[in-house]
């Protein structure tokens, strides 16, 4: 499955990269639908993050593993 979402941020490219790139494994710190997240492996292509969801709407709590397929 592939999901995409576009948002506009009032931040410089460097500030956005610090959150979305360098802190890829820390998404639970700023996402209200995740209880925990952790980076598996070294940050870069092939690394994964494991996220424990809190559940929202019709979706029950669960685990999602995401793989980084591009990192530039």
N, C-alpha and C. Protein backbone atom coordinates (compact mmCIF):
# COMPACT_ATOMS: atom_id res chain seq x y z
N UNK A 1 0.84 -1.16 0.00
CA UNK A 1 0.00 0.00 0.00
C UNK A 1 0.89 1.23 0.00
N UNK A 2 0.48 2.25 -0.69
CA UNK A 2 1.21 3.51 -0.70
C UNK A 2 0.25 4.61 -0.28
N UNK A 3 0.71 5.43 0.67
CA UNK A 3 -0.09 6.56 1.12
C UNK A 3 0.73 7.82 0.93
N UNK A 4 0.09 8.89 0.49
CA UNK A 4 0.78 10.16 0.32
C UNK A 4 -0.06 11.27 0.93
N UNK A 5 0.64 12.28 1.44
CA UNK A 5 -0.05 13.44 1.98
C UNK A 5 0.85 14.64 1.76
N UNK A 6 0.29 15.75 1.38
CA UNK A 6 1.03 16.97 1.17
C UNK A 6 0.60 17.99 2.21
N UNK A 7 1.58 18.63 2.85
CA UNK A 7 1.28 19.70 3.79
C UNK A 7 2.25 20.85 3.54
N UNK A 8 1.82 22.04 3.88
CA UNK A 8 2.70 23.21 3.79
C UNK A 8 3.20 23.53 5.19
N UNK A 9 4.51 23.79 5.29
CA UNK A 9 5.12 24.09 6.57
C UNK A 9 5.77 25.46 6.53
N UNK A 10 5.63 26.20 7.60
CA UNK A 10 6.31 27.48 7.71
C UNK A 10 7.67 27.22 8.35
N UNK A 11 8.58 26.71 7.54
CA UNK A 11 9.92 26.38 8.02
C UNK A 11 10.87 26.43 6.83
N UNK A 12 12.13 26.66 7.13
CA UNK A 12 13.13 26.63 6.06
C UNK A 12 13.34 25.18 5.65
N UNK A 13 13.96 24.97 4.51
CA UNK A 13 14.27 23.62 4.05
C UNK A 13 15.15 22.91 5.07
N UNK A 14 16.12 23.61 5.66
CA UNK A 14 17.01 23.01 6.66
C UNK A 14 16.23 22.58 7.90
N UNK A 15 15.29 23.41 8.35
CA UNK A 15 14.48 23.06 9.52
C UNK A 15 13.60 21.85 9.24
N UNK A 16 12.98 21.82 8.06
CA UNK A 16 12.13 20.69 7.69
C UNK A 16 12.95 19.41 7.60
N UNK A 17 14.15 19.49 7.03
CA UNK A 17 15.00 18.31 6.89
C UNK A 17 15.40 17.76 8.25
N UNK A 18 15.66 18.62 9.23
CA UNK A 18 16.02 18.16 10.56
C UNK A 18 14.92 17.28 11.15
N UNK A 19 13.67 17.63 10.92
CA UNK A 19 12.54 16.86 11.46
C UNK A 19 12.23 15.64 10.60
N UNK A 20 12.07 15.85 9.31
CA UNK A 20 11.61 14.77 8.42
C UNK A 20 12.72 13.85 7.94
N UNK A 21 13.94 14.35 7.88
CA UNK A 21 15.06 13.55 7.39
C UNK A 21 15.90 13.00 8.53
N UNK A 22 16.60 13.89 9.22
CA UNK A 22 17.53 13.46 10.27
C UNK A 22 16.84 12.79 11.44
N UNK A 23 15.59 13.13 11.70
CA UNK A 23 14.85 12.54 12.82
C UNK A 23 13.75 11.61 12.32
N UNK A 24 14.02 10.91 11.22
CA UNK A 24 13.06 9.98 10.60
C UNK A 24 12.48 8.99 11.61
N UNK A 25 13.28 8.50 12.50
CA UNK A 25 12.81 7.52 13.48
C UNK A 25 12.00 8.09 14.62
N UNK A 26 11.96 9.41 14.75
CA UNK A 26 11.30 10.06 15.89
C UNK A 26 9.91 10.59 15.58
N UNK A 27 9.26 10.08 14.56
CA UNK A 27 7.96 10.62 14.13
C UNK A 27 6.91 10.62 15.25
N UNK A 28 6.98 9.69 16.18
CA UNK A 28 5.98 9.63 17.26
C UNK A 28 6.04 10.86 18.17
N UNK A 29 7.16 11.57 18.16
CA UNK A 29 7.29 12.76 19.00
C UNK A 29 6.40 13.90 18.51
N UNK A 30 6.01 13.88 17.22
CA UNK A 30 5.18 14.98 16.71
C UNK A 30 3.92 14.52 16.01
N UNK A 31 3.64 13.23 16.03
CA UNK A 31 2.42 12.70 15.43
C UNK A 31 1.45 12.28 16.54
N UNK A 32 0.24 12.77 16.49
CA UNK A 32 -0.72 12.45 17.54
C UNK A 32 -1.31 11.05 17.42
N UNK A 33 -1.10 10.36 16.30
CA UNK A 33 -1.68 9.03 16.12
C UNK A 33 -0.69 7.90 16.39
N UNK A 34 0.52 8.24 16.85
CA UNK A 34 1.53 7.22 17.14
C UNK A 34 1.92 7.26 18.60
N UNK A 35 1.99 6.09 19.21
CA UNK A 35 2.42 5.99 20.60
C UNK A 35 3.95 5.96 20.69
N UNK A 36 4.58 5.19 19.79
CA UNK A 36 6.04 5.08 19.77
C UNK A 36 6.53 4.92 18.34
N UNK A 37 7.80 5.23 18.15
CA UNK A 37 8.45 4.98 16.86
C UNK A 37 9.94 4.79 17.14
N UNK A 38 10.58 3.97 16.31
CA UNK A 38 12.02 3.76 16.48
C UNK A 38 12.66 3.43 15.15
N UNK A 39 13.89 3.87 15.00
CA UNK A 39 14.67 3.61 13.80
C UNK A 39 15.37 2.27 13.95
N UNK A 40 15.29 1.44 12.93
CA UNK A 40 15.96 0.14 12.91
C UNK A 40 17.07 0.23 11.87
N UNK A 41 18.30 0.16 12.29
CA UNK A 41 19.42 0.27 11.37
C UNK A 41 19.97 1.69 11.34
N UNK A 42 20.89 1.93 10.42
CA UNK A 42 21.53 3.23 10.26
C UNK A 42 20.68 4.09 9.35
N UNK A 43 20.54 5.36 9.70
CA UNK A 43 19.74 6.28 8.91
C UNK A 43 20.26 6.36 7.48
N UNK A 44 19.43 6.02 6.53
CA UNK A 44 19.77 6.02 5.12
C UNK A 44 18.91 5.02 4.38
N UNK A 45 19.12 4.89 3.09
CA UNK A 45 18.34 3.97 2.27
C UNK A 45 18.42 2.56 2.87
N UNK A 46 17.28 1.93 3.02
CA UNK A 46 17.21 0.59 3.58
C UNK A 46 16.88 0.55 5.06
N UNK A 47 17.04 1.68 5.76
CA UNK A 47 16.67 1.72 7.17
C UNK A 47 15.15 1.62 7.29
N UNK A 48 14.68 1.14 8.41
CA UNK A 48 13.25 1.06 8.65
C UNK A 48 12.92 1.75 9.96
N UNK A 49 11.67 2.17 10.08
CA UNK A 49 11.19 2.64 11.37
C UNK A 49 9.94 1.83 11.69
N UNK A 50 9.82 1.50 12.95
CA UNK A 50 8.68 0.74 13.44
C UNK A 50 7.83 1.69 14.27
N UNK A 51 6.57 1.80 13.91
CA UNK A 51 5.65 2.72 14.58
C UNK A 51 4.51 1.94 15.22
N UNK A 52 4.21 2.27 16.47
CA UNK A 52 3.06 1.70 17.17
C UNK A 52 1.96 2.75 17.17
N UNK A 53 0.87 2.45 16.47
CA UNK A 53 -0.23 3.39 16.36
C UNK A 53 -1.15 3.33 17.56
N UNK A 54 -1.78 4.46 17.86
CA UNK A 54 -2.73 4.55 18.96
C UNK A 54 -4.14 4.18 18.50
N UNK A 55 -4.33 4.11 17.19
CA UNK A 55 -5.66 3.88 16.64
C UNK A 55 -6.36 5.21 16.44
N UNK A 56 -7.09 5.32 15.35
CA UNK A 56 -7.88 6.52 15.10
C UNK A 56 -8.98 6.17 14.11
N UNK A 57 -10.13 6.80 14.27
CA UNK A 57 -11.26 6.50 13.39
C UNK A 57 -11.54 5.01 13.41
N UNK A 58 -11.71 4.40 12.23
CA UNK A 58 -12.01 2.97 12.19
C UNK A 58 -10.78 2.07 12.31
N UNK A 59 -9.58 2.67 12.46
CA UNK A 59 -8.35 1.89 12.49
C UNK A 59 -7.96 1.56 13.93
N UNK A 60 -7.81 0.28 14.25
CA UNK A 60 -7.41 -0.10 15.61
C UNK A 60 -5.91 0.16 15.82
N UNK A 61 -5.46 0.18 17.08
CA UNK A 61 -4.03 0.30 17.33
C UNK A 61 -3.28 -0.84 16.65
N UNK A 62 -2.10 -0.57 16.18
CA UNK A 62 -1.32 -1.61 15.52
C UNK A 62 0.09 -1.14 15.22
N UNK A 63 0.86 -2.01 14.59
CA UNK A 63 2.25 -1.73 14.27
C UNK A 63 2.41 -1.59 12.76
N UNK A 64 3.21 -0.61 12.36
CA UNK A 64 3.53 -0.39 10.96
C UNK A 64 5.04 -0.30 10.85
N UNK A 65 5.60 -0.99 9.86
CA UNK A 65 7.02 -0.89 9.57
C UNK A 65 7.19 -0.21 8.22
N UNK A 66 7.98 0.85 8.19
CA UNK A 66 8.21 1.63 6.97
C UNK A 66 9.69 1.55 6.61
N UNK A 67 9.95 1.39 5.31
CA UNK A 67 11.33 1.33 4.83
C UNK A 67 11.67 2.62 4.07
N UNK A 68 12.84 3.14 4.35
CA UNK A 68 13.33 4.32 3.64
C UNK A 68 13.85 3.87 2.28
N UNK A 69 13.23 4.29 1.21
CA UNK A 69 13.64 3.85 -0.13
C UNK A 69 14.42 4.93 -0.87
N UNK A 70 14.40 6.15 -0.36
CA UNK A 70 15.18 7.24 -0.96
C UNK A 70 15.54 8.20 0.16
N UNK A 71 16.77 8.70 0.16
CA UNK A 71 17.22 9.60 1.23
C UNK A 71 18.23 10.56 0.62
N UNK A 72 17.76 11.77 0.34
CA UNK A 72 18.62 12.74 -0.36
C UNK A 72 18.34 14.12 0.18
